[in-house]
């Protein structure tokens, strides 16, 4: 996947806005800067988008890679952003 993509993810308490440059992105930063909360919100949204209370705005589908599924997902989906 080539290009830059904006991702907005929010609920009634927090609002994240990221600009992604590649399809596999590693979140890094200081302790307590919101990385784990971002991943938790994205996972909750992916599990149940309609009733999660979370809004995702992204041109591409966004998914969270776990130790169990990362290789299968990366090989299977070409037009997806993985975090």
PDB file of N, CA and C in Angstrom:
ATOM      1  N   UNK A   1       0.844  -1.160   0.000  1.00  0.00           N
ATOM      2  CA  UNK A   1       0.000   0.000   0.000  1.00  0.00           C
ATOM      3  C   UNK A   1       0.900   1.237   0.000  1.00  0.00           C
ATOM      4  N   UNK A   2       0.609   2.162  -0.869  1.00  0.00           N
ATOM      5  CA  UNK A   2       1.414   3.361  -1.022  1.00  0.00           C
ATOM      6  C   UNK A   2       0.576   4.581  -0.688  1.00  0.00           C
ATOM      7  N   UNK A   3       1.188   5.588  -0.098  1.00  0.00           N
ATOM      8  CA  UNK A   3       0.487   6.832   0.173  1.00  0.00           C
ATOM      9  C   UNK A   3       0.380   7.132   1.646  1.00  0.00           C
ATOM     10  N   UNK A   4      -0.322   8.210   1.926  1.00  0.00           N
ATOM     11  CA  UNK A   4      -0.567   8.643   3.303  1.00  0.00           C
ATOM     12  C   UNK A   4      -2.065   8.563   3.569  1.00  0.00           C
ATOM     13  N   UNK A   5      -2.399   8.166   4.765  1.00  0.00           N
ATOM     14  CA  UNK A   5      -3.802   8.015   5.136  1.00  0.00           C
ATOM     15  C   UNK A   5      -4.033   8.598   6.518  1.00  0.00           C
ATOM     16  N   UNK A   6      -5.111   9.345   6.654  1.00  0.00           N
ATOM     17  CA  UNK A   6      -5.516   9.885   7.944  1.00  0.00           C
ATOM     18  C   UNK A   6      -6.453   8.905   8.621  1.00  0.00           C
ATOM     19  N   UNK A   7      -6.247   8.739   9.912  1.00  0.00           N
ATOM     20  CA  UNK A   7      -7.108   7.889  10.733  1.00  0.00           C
ATOM     21  C   UNK A   7      -7.586   8.726  11.906  1.00  0.00           C
ATOM     22  N   UNK A   8      -8.892   8.748  12.110  1.00  0.00           N
ATOM     23  CA  UNK A   8      -9.477   9.361  13.300  1.00  0.00           C
ATOM     24  C   UNK A   8     -10.239   8.273  14.040  1.00  0.00           C
ATOM     25  N   UNK A   9      -9.994   8.194  15.325  1.00  0.00           N
ATOM     26  CA  UNK A   9     -10.651   7.211  16.176  1.00  0.00           C
ATOM     27  C   UNK A   9     -11.026   7.925  17.468  1.00  0.00           C
ATOM     28  N   UNK A  10     -12.303   7.849  17.826  1.00  0.00           N
ATOM     29  CA  UNK A  10     -12.700   8.555  19.041  1.00  0.00           C
ATOM     30  C   UNK A  10     -13.958   7.968  19.648  1.00  0.00           C
ATOM     31  N   UNK A  11     -14.118   8.273  20.920  1.00  0.00           N
ATOM     32  CA  UNK A  11     -15.354   7.993  21.642  1.00  0.00           C
ATOM     33  C   UNK A  11     -15.697   9.253  22.426  1.00  0.00           C
ATOM     34  N   UNK A  12     -16.509   9.146  23.444  1.00  0.00           N
ATOM     35  CA  UNK A  12     -16.918  10.347  24.177  1.00  0.00           C
ATOM     36  C   UNK A  12     -15.851  10.864  25.149  1.00  0.00           C
ATOM     37  N   UNK A  13     -14.713  10.150  25.290  1.00  0.00           N
ATOM     38  CA  UNK A  13     -13.674  10.568  26.232  1.00  0.00           C
ATOM     39  C   UNK A  13     -12.355  10.954  25.563  1.00  0.00           C
ATOM     40  N   UNK A  14     -11.989  10.282  24.483  1.00  0.00           N
ATOM     41  CA  UNK A  14     -10.695  10.541  23.838  1.00  0.00           C
ATOM     42  C   UNK A  14     -10.873  10.672  22.332  1.00  0.00           C
ATOM     43  N   UNK A  15      -9.907  11.357  21.714  1.00  0.00           N
ATOM     44  CA  UNK A  15      -9.932  11.563  20.263  1.00  0.00           C
ATOM     45  C   UNK A  15      -8.496  11.421  19.758  1.00  0.00           C
ATOM     46  N   UNK A  16      -8.303  10.493  18.807  1.00  0.00           N
ATOM     47  CA  UNK A  16      -6.987  10.269  18.206  1.00  0.00           C
ATOM     48  C   UNK A  16      -7.044  10.649  16.733  1.00  0.00           C
ATOM     49  N   UNK A  17      -5.982  11.277  16.258  1.00  0.00           N
ATOM     50  CA  UNK A  17      -5.837  11.570  14.831  1.00  0.00           C
ATOM     51  C   UNK A  17      -4.412  11.215  14.449  1.00  0.00           C
ATOM     52  N   UNK A  18      -4.269  10.257  13.520  1.00  0.00           N
ATOM     53  CA  UNK A  18      -2.950   9.827  13.059  1.00  0.00           C
ATOM     54  C   UNK A  18      -2.856   9.985  11.556  1.00  0.00           C
ATOM     55  N   UNK A  19      -1.656  10.240  11.080  1.00  0.00           N
ATOM     56  CA  UNK A  19      -1.364  10.253   9.650  1.00  0.00           C
ATOM     57  C   UNK A  19      -0.401   9.097   9.406  1.00  0.00           C
ATOM     58  N   UNK A  20      -0.878   8.070   8.685  1.00  0.00           N
ATOM     59  CA  UNK A  20      -0.125   6.839   8.472  1.00  0.00           C
ATOM     60  C   UNK A  20       0.554   6.887   7.107  1.00  0.00           C
ATOM     61  N   UNK A  21       1.822   6.484   7.055  1.00  0.00           N
ATOM     62  CA  UNK A  21       2.574   6.510   5.801  1.00  0.00           C
ATOM     63  C   UNK A  21       2.787   5.126   5.201  1.00  0.00           C
ATOM     64  N   UNK A  22       2.532   4.090   5.931  1.00  0.00           N
ATOM     65  CA  UNK A  22       2.714   2.734   5.413  1.00  0.00           C
ATOM     66  C   UNK A  22       1.668   1.811   6.009  1.00  0.00           C
ATOM     67  N   UNK A  23       1.511   0.624   5.413  1.00  0.00           N
ATOM     68  CA  UNK A  23       0.403  -0.233   5.849  1.00  0.00           C
ATOM     69  C   UNK A  23       0.662  -0.964   7.160  1.00  0.00           C
ATOM     70  N   UNK A  24       1.909  -1.130   7.573  1.00  0.00           N
ATOM     71  CA  UNK A  24       2.198  -1.702   8.886  1.00  0.00           C
ATOM     72  C   UNK A  24       2.839  -0.597   9.705  1.00  0.00           C
ATOM     73  N   UNK A  25       2.201  -0.242  10.797  1.00  0.00           N
ATOM     74  CA  UNK A  25       2.656   0.879  11.610  1.00  0.00           C
ATOM     75  C   UNK A  25       2.843   0.422  13.046  1.00  0.00           C
ATOM     76  N   UNK A  26       3.980   0.756  13.604  1.00  0.00           N
ATOM     77  CA  UNK A  26       4.272   0.458  14.994  1.00  0.00           C
ATOM     78  C   UNK A  26       4.050   1.731  15.797  1.00  0.00           C
ATOM     79  N   UNK A  27       3.194   1.644  16.800  1.00  0.00           N
ATOM     80  CA  UNK A  27       2.956   2.797  17.669  1.00  0.00           C
ATOM     81  C   UNK A  27       4.012   2.806  18.758  1.00  0.00           C
ATOM     82  N   UNK A  28       4.665   3.946  18.906  1.00  0.00           N
ATOM     83  CA  UNK A  28       5.650   4.060  19.968  1.00  0.00           C
ATOM     84  C   UNK A  28       5.547   5.449  20.569  1.00  0.00           C
ATOM     85  N   UNK A  29       5.991   5.550  21.793  1.00  0.00           N
ATOM     86  CA  UNK A  29       5.931   6.832  22.487  1.00  0.00           C
ATOM     87  C   UNK A  29       6.142   6.639  23.969  1.00  0.00           C
ATOM     88  N   UNK A  30       6.077   7.729  24.685  1.00  0.00           N
ATOM     89  CA  UNK A  30       6.286   7.696  26.125  1.00  0.00           C
ATOM     90  C   UNK A  30       5.203   6.879  26.823  1.00  0.00           C
ATOM     91  N   UNK A  31       5.533   6.432  27.999  1.00  0.00           N
ATOM     92  CA  UNK A  31       4.576   5.728  28.844  1.00  0.00           C
ATOM     93  C   UNK A  31       3.397   6.644  29.129  1.00  0.00           C
ATOM     94  N   UNK A  32       2.211   6.079  29.134  1.00  0.00           N
ATOM     95  CA  UNK A  32       0.966   6.795  29.442  1.00  0.00           C
ATOM     96  C   UNK A  32       0.615   7.857  28.406  1.00  0.00           C
ATOM     97  N   UNK A  33       1.032   7.639  27.150  1.00  0.00           N
ATOM     98  CA  UNK A  33       0.694   8.610  26.098  1.00  0.00           C
ATOM     99  C   UNK A  33      -0.531   8.197  25.287  1.00  0.00           C
ATOM    100  N   UNK A  34      -1.127   7.025  25.579  1.00  0.00           N
ATOM    101  CA  UNK A  34      -2.375   6.629  24.945  1.00  0.00           C
ATOM    102  C   UNK A  34      -2.272   5.515  23.916  1.00  0.00           C
ATOM    103  N   UNK A  35      -1.111   4.893  23.763  1.00  0.00           N
ATOM    104  CA  UNK A  35      -0.949   3.833  22.757  1.00  0.00           C
ATOM    105  C   UNK A  35      -1.867   2.648  23.040  1.00  0.00           C
ATOM    106  N   UNK A  36      -1.857   2.163  24.244  1.00  0.00           N
ATOM    107  CA  UNK A  36      -2.684   0.995  24.593  1.00  0.00           C
ATOM    108  C   UNK A  36      -4.170   1.317  24.478  1.00  0.00           C
ATOM    109  N   UNK A  37      -4.556   2.517  24.859  1.00  0.00           N
ATOM    110  CA  UNK A  37      -5.968   2.912  24.756  1.00  0.00           C
ATOM    111  C   UNK A  37      -6.394   2.984  23.291  1.00  0.00           C
ATOM    112  N   UNK A  38      -5.534   3.492  22.429  1.00  0.00           N
ATOM    113  CA  UNK A  38      -5.841   3.535  21.002  1.00  0.00           C
ATOM    114  C   UNK A  38      -6.087   2.123  20.467  1.00  0.00           C
ATOM    115  N   UNK A  39      -5.201   1.184  20.800  1.00  0.00           N
ATOM    116  CA  UNK A  39      -5.343  -0.199  20.342  1.00  0.00           C
ATOM    117  C   UNK A  39      -6.597  -0.835  20.934  1.00  0.00           C
ATOM    118  N   UNK A  40      -6.887  -0.568  22.207  1.00  0.00           N
ATOM    119  CA  UNK A  40      -8.092  -1.107  22.833  1.00  0.00           C
ATOM    120  C   UNK A  40      -9.346  -0.587  22.133  1.00  0.00           C
ATOM    121  N   UNK A  41      -9.378   0.709  21.833  1.00  0.00           N
ATOM    122  CA  UNK A  41     -10.535   1.277  21.138  1.00  0.00           C
ATOM    123  C   UNK A  41     -10.692   0.697  19.737  1.00  0.00           C
ATOM    124  N   UNK A  42      -9.592   0.581  19.006  1.00  0.00           N
ATOM    125  CA  UNK A  42      -9.673   0.019  17.660  1.00  0.00           C
ATOM    126  C   UNK A  42     -10.129  -1.430  17.695  1.00  0.00           C
ATOM    127  N   UNK A  43      -9.641  -2.201  18.637  1.00  0.00           N
ATOM    128  CA  UNK A  43     -10.079  -3.602  18.775  1.00  0.00           C
ATOM    129  C   UNK A  43     -11.561  -3.681  19.116  1.00  0.00           C
ATOM    130  N   UNK A  44     -12.018  -2.830  20.017  1.00  0.00           N
ATOM    131  CA  UNK A  44     -13.440  -2.818  20.391  1.00  0.00           C
ATOM    132  C   UNK A  44     -14.296  -2.407  19.204  1.00  0.00           C
ATOM    133  N   UNK A  45     -13.842  -1.426  18.447  1.00  0.00           N
ATOM    134  CA  UNK A  45     -14.582  -0.998  17.262  1.00  0.00           C
ATOM    135  C   UNK A  45     -14.673  -2.129  16.243  1.00  0.00           C
ATOM    136  N   UNK A  46     -13.557  -2.808  15.985  1.00  0.00           N
ATOM    137  CA  UNK A  46     -13.550  -3.905  15.015  1.00  0.00           C
ATOM    138  C   UNK A  46     -14.440  -5.064  15.455  1.00  0.00           C
ATOM    139  N   UNK A  47     -14.535  -5.305  16.751  1.00  0.00           N
ATOM    140  CA  UNK A  47     -15.365  -6.399  17.253  1.00  0.00           C
ATOM    141  C   UNK A  47     -16.856  -6.107  17.111  1.00  0.00           C
ATOM    142  N   UNK A  48     -17.238  -4.835  17.255  1.00  0.00           N
ATOM    143  CA  UNK A  48     -18.659  -4.496  17.210  1.00  0.00           C
ATOM    144  C   UNK A  48     -18.842  -3.022  16.849  1.00  0.00           C
ATOM    145  N   UNK A  49     -18.705  -2.666  15.582  1.00  0.00           N
ATOM    146  CA  UNK A  49     -18.706  -1.254  15.187  1.00  0.00           C
ATOM    147  C   UNK A  49     -19.976  -0.479  15.556  1.00  0.00           C
ATOM    148  N   UNK A  50     -21.137  -1.083  15.412  1.00  0.00           N
ATOM    149  CA  UNK A  50     -22.387  -0.344  15.613  1.00  0.00           C
ATOM    150  C   UNK A  50     -22.662   0.006  17.067  1.00  0.00           C
ATOM    151  N   UNK A  51     -22.378  -0.891  17.977  1.00  0.00           N
ATOM    152  CA  UNK A  51     -22.761  -0.643  19.373  1.00  0.00           C
ATOM    153  C   UNK A  51     -21.570  -0.364  20.288  1.00  0.00           C
ATOM    154  N   UNK A  52     -20.380  -0.135  19.729  1.00  0.00           N
ATOM    155  CA  UNK A  52     -19.200   0.099  20.561  1.00  0.00           C
ATOM    156  C   UNK A  52     -19.143   1.510  21.128  1.00  0.00           C
ATOM    157  N   UNK A  53     -19.858   2.461  20.517  1.00  0.00           N
ATOM    158  CA  UNK A  53     -19.760   3.849  20.942  1.00  0.00           C
ATOM    159  C   UNK A  53     -18.488   4.520  20.453  1.00  0.00           C
ATOM    160  N   UNK A  54     -17.811   3.875  19.518  1.00  0.00           N
ATOM    161  CA  UNK A  54     -16.542   4.360  18.989  1.00  0.00           C
ATOM    162  C   UNK A  54     -16.732   4.689  17.513  1.00  0.00           C
ATOM    163  N   UNK A  55     -16.112   5.769  17.076  1.00  0.00           N
ATOM    164  CA  UNK A  55     -16.181   6.173  15.675  1.00  0.00           C
ATOM    165  C   UNK A  55     -14.793   6.059  15.060  1.00  0.00           C
ATOM    166  N   UNK A  56     -14.724   5.425  13.902  1.00  0.00           N
ATOM    167  CA  UNK A  56     -13.486   5.316  13.136  1.00  0.00           C
ATOM    168  C   UNK A  56     -13.721   5.967  11.782  1.00  0.00           C
ATOM    169  N   UNK A  57     -12.856   6.908  11.436  1.00  0.00           N
ATOM    170  CA  UNK A  57     -12.896   7.544  10.120  1.00  0.00           C
ATOM    171  C   UNK A  57     -11.557   7.241   9.460  1.00  0.00           C
ATOM    172  N   UNK A  58     -11.608   6.444   8.385  1.00  0.00           N
ATOM    173  CA  UNK A  58     -10.395   6.051   7.681  1.00  0.00           C
ATOM    174  C   UNK A  58     -10.759   5.611   6.277  1.00  0.00           C
ATOM    175  N   UNK A  59      -9.948   6.008   5.314  1.00  0.00           N
ATOM    176  CA  UNK A  59     -10.164   5.598   3.930  1.00  0.00           C
ATOM    177  C   UNK A  59      -9.924   4.098   3.745  1.00  0.00           C
ATOM    178  N   UNK A  60      -9.013   3.538   4.533  1.00  0.00           N
ATOM    179  CA  UNK A  60      -8.682   2.115   4.479  1.00  0.00           C
ATOM    180  C   UNK A  60      -9.157   1.428   5.750  1.00  0.00           C
ATOM    181  N   UNK A  61      -9.397   0.147   5.670  1.00  0.00           N
ATOM    182  CA  UNK A  61      -9.743  -0.647   6.838  1.00  0.00           C
ATOM    183  C   UNK A  61      -8.536  -0.721   7.761  1.00  0.00           C
ATOM    184  N   UNK A  62      -8.776  -0.589   9.060  1.00  0.00           N
ATOM    185  CA  UNK A  62      -7.703  -0.648  10.055  1.00  0.00           C
ATOM    186  C   UNK A  62      -7.903  -1.876  10.935  1.00  0.00           C
ATOM    187  N   UNK A  63      -6.813  -2.587  11.202  1.00  0.00           N
ATOM    188  CA  UNK A  63      -6.868  -3.787  12.030  1.00  0.00           C
ATOM    189  C   UNK A  63      -5.719  -3.801  13.018  1.00  0.00           C
ATOM    190  N   UNK A  64      -5.935  -4.475  14.132  1.00  0.00           N
ATOM    191  CA  UNK A  64      -4.891  -4.656  15.144  1.00  0.00           C
ATOM    192  C   UNK A  64      -4.281  -6.030  14.943  1.00  0.00           C
ATOM    193  N   UNK A  65      -2.960  -6.074  14.854  1.00  0.00           N
ATOM    194  CA  UNK A  65      -2.262  -7.348  14.753  1.00  0.00           C
ATOM    195  C   UNK A  65      -1.954  -7.862  16.147  1.00  0.00           C
ATOM    196  N   UNK A  66      -2.237  -9.144  16.362  1.00  0.00           N
ATOM    197  CA  UNK A  66      -1.861  -9.787  17.616  1.00  0.00           C
ATOM    198  C   UNK A  66      -0.815 -10.848  17.310  1.00  0.00           C
ATOM    199  N   UNK A  67      -0.218 -11.381  18.334  1.00  0.00           N
ATOM    200  CA  UNK A  67       0.779 -12.430  18.123  1.00  0.00           C
ATOM    201  C   UNK A  67       0.190 -13.610  17.373  1.00  0.00           C
ATOM    202  N   UNK A  68      -1.077 -13.901  17.614  1.00  0.00           N
ATOM    203  CA  UNK A  68      -1.699 -15.075  17.011  1.00  0.00           C
ATOM    204  C   UNK A  68      -2.011 -14.897  15.537  1.00  0.00           C
ATOM    205  N   UNK A  69      -2.403 -13.704  15.120  1.00  0.00           N
ATOM    206  CA  UNK A  69      -2.939 -13.575  13.770  1.00  0.00           C
ATOM    207  C   UNK A  69      -2.111 -12.733  12.813  1.00  0.00           C
ATOM    208  N   UNK A  70      -1.004 -12.191  13.215  1.00  0.00           N
ATOM    209  CA  UNK A  70      -0.341 -11.193  12.387  1.00  0.00           C
ATOM    210  C   UNK A  70       0.092 -11.718  11.030  1.00  0.00           C
ATOM    211  N   UNK A  71       0.684 -12.884  10.958  1.00  0.00           N
ATOM    212  CA  UNK A  71       1.182 -13.393   9.678  1.00  0.00           C
ATOM    213  C   UNK A  71       0.035 -13.683   8.711  1.00  0.00           C
ATOM    214  N   UNK A  72      -1.023 -14.303   9.190  1.00  0.00           N
ATOM    215  CA  UNK A  72      -2.179 -14.606   8.355  1.00  0.00           C
ATOM    216  C   UNK A  72      -2.795 -13.330   7.778  1.00  0.00           C
ATOM    217  N   UNK A  73      -2.979 -12.324   8.603  1.00  0.00           N
ATOM    218  CA  UNK A  73      -3.582 -11.073   8.140  1.00  0.00           C
ATOM    219  C   UNK A  73      -2.696 -10.346   7.142  1.00  0.00           C
ATOM    220  N   UNK A  74      -1.407 -10.247   7.425  1.00  0.00           N
ATOM    221  CA  UNK A  74      -0.505  -9.518   6.531  1.00  0.00           C
ATOM    222  C   UNK A  74      -0.452 -10.180   5.161  1.00  0.00           C
ATOM    223  N   UNK A  75      -0.445 -11.489   5.124  1.00  0.00           N
ATOM    224  CA  UNK A  75      -0.393 -12.205   3.846  1.00  0.00           C
ATOM    225  C   UNK A  75      -1.729 -12.150   3.100  1.00  0.00           C
ATOM    226  N   UNK A  76      -2.840 -12.027   3.823  1.00  0.00           N
ATOM    227  CA  UNK A  76      -4.165 -12.118   3.206  1.00  0.00           C
ATOM    228  C   UNK A  76      -4.735 -10.794   2.723  1.00  0.00           C
ATOM    229  N   UNK A  77      -4.378  -9.698   3.361  1.00  0.00           N
ATOM    230  CA  UNK A  77      -5.005  -8.414   3.068  1.00  0.00           C
ATOM    231  C   UNK A  77      -3.958  -7.404   2.593  1.00  0.00           C
ATOM    232  N   UNK A  78      -4.152  -6.892   1.396  1.00  0.00           N
ATOM    233  CA  UNK A  78      -3.187  -5.951   0.825  1.00  0.00           C
ATOM    234  C   UNK A  78      -3.580  -4.499   1.038  1.00  0.00           C
ATOM    235  N   UNK A  79      -4.847  -4.180   1.053  1.00  0.00           N
ATOM    236  CA  UNK A  79      -5.304  -2.789   1.164  1.00  0.00           C
ATOM    237  C   UNK A  79      -5.864  -2.523   2.564  1.00  0.00           C
ATOM    238  N   UNK A  80      -5.055  -2.756   3.566  1.00  0.00           N
ATOM    239  CA  UNK A  80      -5.484  -2.603   4.958  1.00  0.00           C
ATOM    240  C   UNK A  80      -4.348  -1.993   5.753  1.00  0.00           C
ATOM    241  N   UNK A  81      -4.672  -1.197   6.728  1.00  0.00           N
ATOM    242  CA  UNK A  81      -3.675  -0.631   7.629  1.00  0.00           C
ATOM    243  C   UNK A  81      -3.640  -1.497   8.885  1.00  0.00           C
ATOM    244  N   UNK A  82      -2.451  -1.953   9.243  1.00  0.00           N
ATOM    245  CA  UNK A  82      -2.275  -2.788  10.435  1.00  0.00           C
ATOM    246  C   UNK A  82      -1.537  -1.999  11.505  1.00  0.00           C
ATOM    247  N   UNK A  83      -2.018  -2.113  12.736  1.00  0.00           N
ATOM    248  CA  UNK A  83      -1.374  -1.476  13.875  1.00  0.00           C
ATOM    249  C   UNK A  83      -1.073  -2.529  14.918  1.00  0.00           C
TER     250      UNK A  83
END
